Amino acid sequence: MNPFDALNSTVIGAFGEPAVYRQTGKADLTVNVVVGEGARMTETEQSPYLHIFLRAADMETLSPRRGDRILIKDKAYNVVTVEADQQGGATLRVQGRGTA
């Protein structure tokens, strides 16, 4: 494990919470994520964006992409953007859809 992946694991272990990742045509995957509050991008949006950090290694065979869904504490979110980093992590920008 490289030092950055070890750091990612430590952060997710300390601050992470379980989430269910859903991708069309694939089985649901429970993964630990760190949730950060985003901001409303326009006045007409129904909900703010959240920033979700996860380890790519925890995603098993799934590769996060726009349009996927993630459930956190019984609230559903759509994945809007995916930003992978070179240290084994990814930040997803998601927007709320309501209850699961």
C-alpha atoms as a PDB file:
ATOM      1  CA  MET A   1       0.000   0.000   0.000  1.00  0.00           C
ATOM      2  CA  ASN A   2       1.457   3.364  -0.977  1.00  0.00           C
ATOM      3  CA  PRO A   3       1.602   6.157   1.650  1.00  0.00           C
ATOM      4  CA  PHE A   4      -1.294   8.099   0.098  1.00  0.00           C
ATOM      5  CA  ASP A   5      -3.542   5.039   0.001  1.00  0.00           C
ATOM      6  CA  ALA A   6      -2.674   4.378   3.644  1.00  0.00           C
ATOM      7  CA  LEU A   7      -3.614   7.987   4.448  1.00  0.00           C
ATOM      8  CA  ASN A   8      -6.889   7.644   2.490  1.00  0.00           C
ATOM      9  CA  SER A   9      -7.690   4.465   4.434  1.00  0.00           C
ATOM     10  CA  THR A  10      -6.998   6.204   7.751  1.00  0.00           C
ATOM     11  CA  VAL A  11      -9.205   9.197   6.890  1.00  0.00           C
ATOM     12  CA  ILE A  12     -12.077   7.006   5.694  1.00  0.00           C
ATOM     13  CA  GLY A  13     -11.674   4.778   8.757  1.00  0.00           C
ATOM     14  CA  ALA A  14     -11.921   7.788  11.078  1.00  0.00           C
ATOM     15  CA  PHE A  15     -14.545   9.905   9.308  1.00  0.00           C
ATOM     16  CA  GLY A  16     -16.257   7.564   6.852  1.00  0.00           C
ATOM     17  CA  GLU A  17     -19.792   6.306   6.880  1.00  0.00           C
ATOM     18  CA  PRO A  18     -21.411   3.471   4.956  1.00  0.00           C
ATOM     19  CA  ALA A  19     -23.078   4.193   1.634  1.00  0.00           C
ATOM     20  CA  VAL A  20     -24.689   1.978  -0.996  1.00  0.00           C
ATOM     21  CA  TYR A  21     -23.346   2.572  -4.494  1.00  0.00           C
ATOM     22  CA  ARG A  22     -25.675   1.712  -7.376  1.00  0.00           C
ATOM     23  CA  GLN A  23     -24.704   1.374 -11.011  1.00  0.00           C
ATOM     24  CA  THR A  24     -27.167   0.196 -13.657  1.00  0.00           C
ATOM     25  CA  GLY A  25     -26.720  -3.472 -14.482  1.00  0.00           C
ATOM     26  CA  LYS A  26     -24.422  -4.164 -11.499  1.00  0.00           C
ATOM     27  CA  ALA A  27     -24.998  -5.440  -7.980  1.00  0.00           C
ATOM     28  CA  ASP A  28     -25.228  -2.813  -5.212  1.00  0.00           C
ATOM     29  CA  LEU A  29     -21.963  -2.216  -3.367  1.00  0.00           C
ATOM     30  CA  THR A  30     -21.624  -0.986   0.222  1.00  0.00           C
ATOM     31  CA  VAL A  31     -18.602   1.273   0.568  1.00  0.00           C
ATOM     32  CA  ASN A  32     -17.370   3.695   3.245  1.00  0.00           C
ATOM     33  CA  VAL A  33     -17.229   7.333   2.158  1.00  0.00           C
ATOM     34  CA  VAL A  34     -16.430  10.730   3.646  1.00  0.00           C
ATOM     35  CA  VAL A  35     -19.202  13.254   3.013  1.00  0.00           C
ATOM     36  CA  GLY A  36     -18.528  16.980   2.643  1.00  0.00           C
ATOM     37  CA  GLU A  37     -21.216  19.607   2.172  1.00  0.00           C
ATOM     38  CA  GLY A  38     -21.125  21.385  -1.171  1.00  0.00           C
ATOM     39  CA  ALA A  39     -22.867  24.556  -2.240  1.00  0.00           C
ATOM     40  CA  ARG A  40     -25.900  25.457  -4.260  1.00  0.00           C
ATOM     41  CA  MET A  41     -24.781  26.271  -7.761  1.00  0.00           C
ATOM     42  CA  THR A  42     -27.883  28.262  -8.768  1.00  0.00           C
ATOM     43  CA  GLU A  43     -30.994  29.596  -7.075  1.00  0.00           C
ATOM     44  CA  THR A  44     -33.223  27.104  -8.920  1.00  0.00           C
ATOM     45  CA  GLU A  45     -31.538  23.913  -7.706  1.00  0.00           C
ATOM     46  CA  GLN A  46     -33.588  21.799  -5.329  1.00  0.00           C
ATOM     47  CA  SER A  47     -30.693  20.665  -3.161  1.00  0.00           C
ATOM     48  CA  PRO A  48     -27.033  21.458  -2.575  1.00  0.00           C
ATOM     49  CA  TYR A  49     -24.266  19.332  -3.985  1.00  0.00           C
ATOM     50  CA  LEU A  50     -22.316  17.043  -1.687  1.00  0.00           C
ATOM     51  CA  HIS A  51     -18.712  16.027  -2.189  1.00  0.00           C
ATOM     52  CA  ILE A  52     -18.153  12.331  -1.532  1.00  0.00           C
ATOM     53  CA  PHE A  53     -14.608  11.000  -1.086  1.00  0.00           C
ATOM     54  CA  LEU A  54     -13.881   7.293  -1.494  1.00  0.00           C
ATOM     55  CA  ARG A  55     -11.008   4.917  -2.197  1.00  0.00           C
ATOM     56  CA  ALA A  56     -10.947   3.516  -5.730  1.00  0.00           C
ATOM     57  CA  ALA A  57      -9.757   0.158  -4.333  1.00  0.00           C
ATOM     58  CA  ASP A  58     -12.968  -0.101  -2.273  1.00  0.00           C
ATOM     59  CA  MET A  59     -15.081   0.044  -5.424  1.00  0.00           C
ATOM     60  CA  GLU A  60     -14.064  -3.505  -6.440  1.00  0.00           C
ATOM     61  CA  THR A  61     -15.078  -3.904 -10.101  1.00  0.00           C
ATOM     62  CA  LEU A  62     -17.173  -0.721 -10.333  1.00  0.00           C
ATOM     63  CA  SER A  63     -15.765   2.434 -11.859  1.00  0.00           C
ATOM     64  CA  PRO A  64     -17.726   5.499 -10.662  1.00  0.00           C
ATOM     65  CA  ARG A  65     -19.362   7.499 -13.439  1.00  0.00           C
ATOM     66  CA  ARG A  66     -21.885  10.260 -14.023  1.00  0.00           C
ATOM     67  CA  GLY A  67     -25.468   9.082 -13.607  1.00  0.00           C
ATOM     68  CA  ASP A  68     -24.733   6.454 -10.959  1.00  0.00           C
ATOM     69  CA  ARG A  69     -26.621   6.631  -7.678  1.00  0.00           C
ATOM     70  CA  ILE A  70     -25.446   6.556  -4.082  1.00  0.00           C
ATOM     71  CA  LEU A  71     -27.559   6.113  -0.942  1.00  0.00           C
ATOM     72  CA  ILE A  72     -26.411   7.693   2.308  1.00  0.00           C
ATOM     73  CA  LYS A  73     -28.577   7.478   5.433  1.00  0.00           C
ATOM     74  CA  ASP A  74     -31.647   6.560   3.329  1.00  0.00           C
ATOM     75  CA  LYS A  75     -31.238   9.594   1.076  1.00  0.00           C
ATOM     76  CA  ALA A  76     -30.531   9.088  -2.631  1.00  0.00           C
ATOM     77  CA  TYR A  77     -28.069  11.131  -4.674  1.00  0.00           C
ATOM     78  CA  ASN A  78     -27.134  11.221  -8.359  1.00  0.00           C
ATOM     79  CA  VAL A  79     -23.459  11.314  -9.308  1.00  0.00           C
ATOM     80  CA  VAL A  80     -22.836  14.516 -11.279  1.00  0.00           C
ATOM     81  CA  THR A  81     -19.033  14.456 -11.648  1.00  0.00           C
ATOM     82  CA  VAL A  82     -16.182  12.089 -10.801  1.00  0.00           C
ATOM     83  CA  GLU A  83     -12.666  13.367 -10.138  1.00  0.00           C
ATOM     84  CA  ALA A  84     -10.108  10.599  -9.616  1.00  0.00           C
ATOM     85  CA  ASP A  85      -6.736  11.485  -8.155  1.00  0.00           C
ATOM     86  CA  GLN A  86      -3.351   9.848  -8.681  1.00  0.00           C
ATOM     87  CA  GLN A  87      -3.203   8.602  -5.078  1.00  0.00           C
ATOM     88  CA  GLY A  88      -6.058   6.066  -5.278  1.00  0.00           C
ATOM     89  CA  GLY A  89      -8.922   8.299  -4.224  1.00  0.00           C
ATOM     90  CA  ALA A  90     -11.892   9.839  -5.985  1.00  0.00           C
ATOM     91  CA  THR A  91     -14.172  12.753  -5.208  1.00  0.00           C
ATOM     92  CA  LEU A  92     -17.736  12.493  -6.468  1.00  0.00           C
ATOM     93  CA  ARG A  93     -19.963  15.541  -6.715  1.00  0.00           C
ATOM     94  CA  VAL A  94     -23.521  14.360  -6.105  1.00  0.00           C
ATOM     95  CA  GLN A  95     -26.913  16.034  -5.925  1.00  0.00           C
ATOM     96  CA  GLY A  96     -29.857  14.897  -3.822  1.00  0.00           C
ATOM     97  CA  ARG A  97     -32.866  13.107  -5.293  1.00  0.00           C
ATOM     98  CA  GLY A  98     -34.922  12.592  -2.131  1.00  0.00           C
ATOM     99  CA  THR A  99     -35.459   9.498  -0.042  1.00  0.00           C
ATOM    100  CA  ALA A 100     -34.420   6.060  -1.277  1.00  0.00           C
END
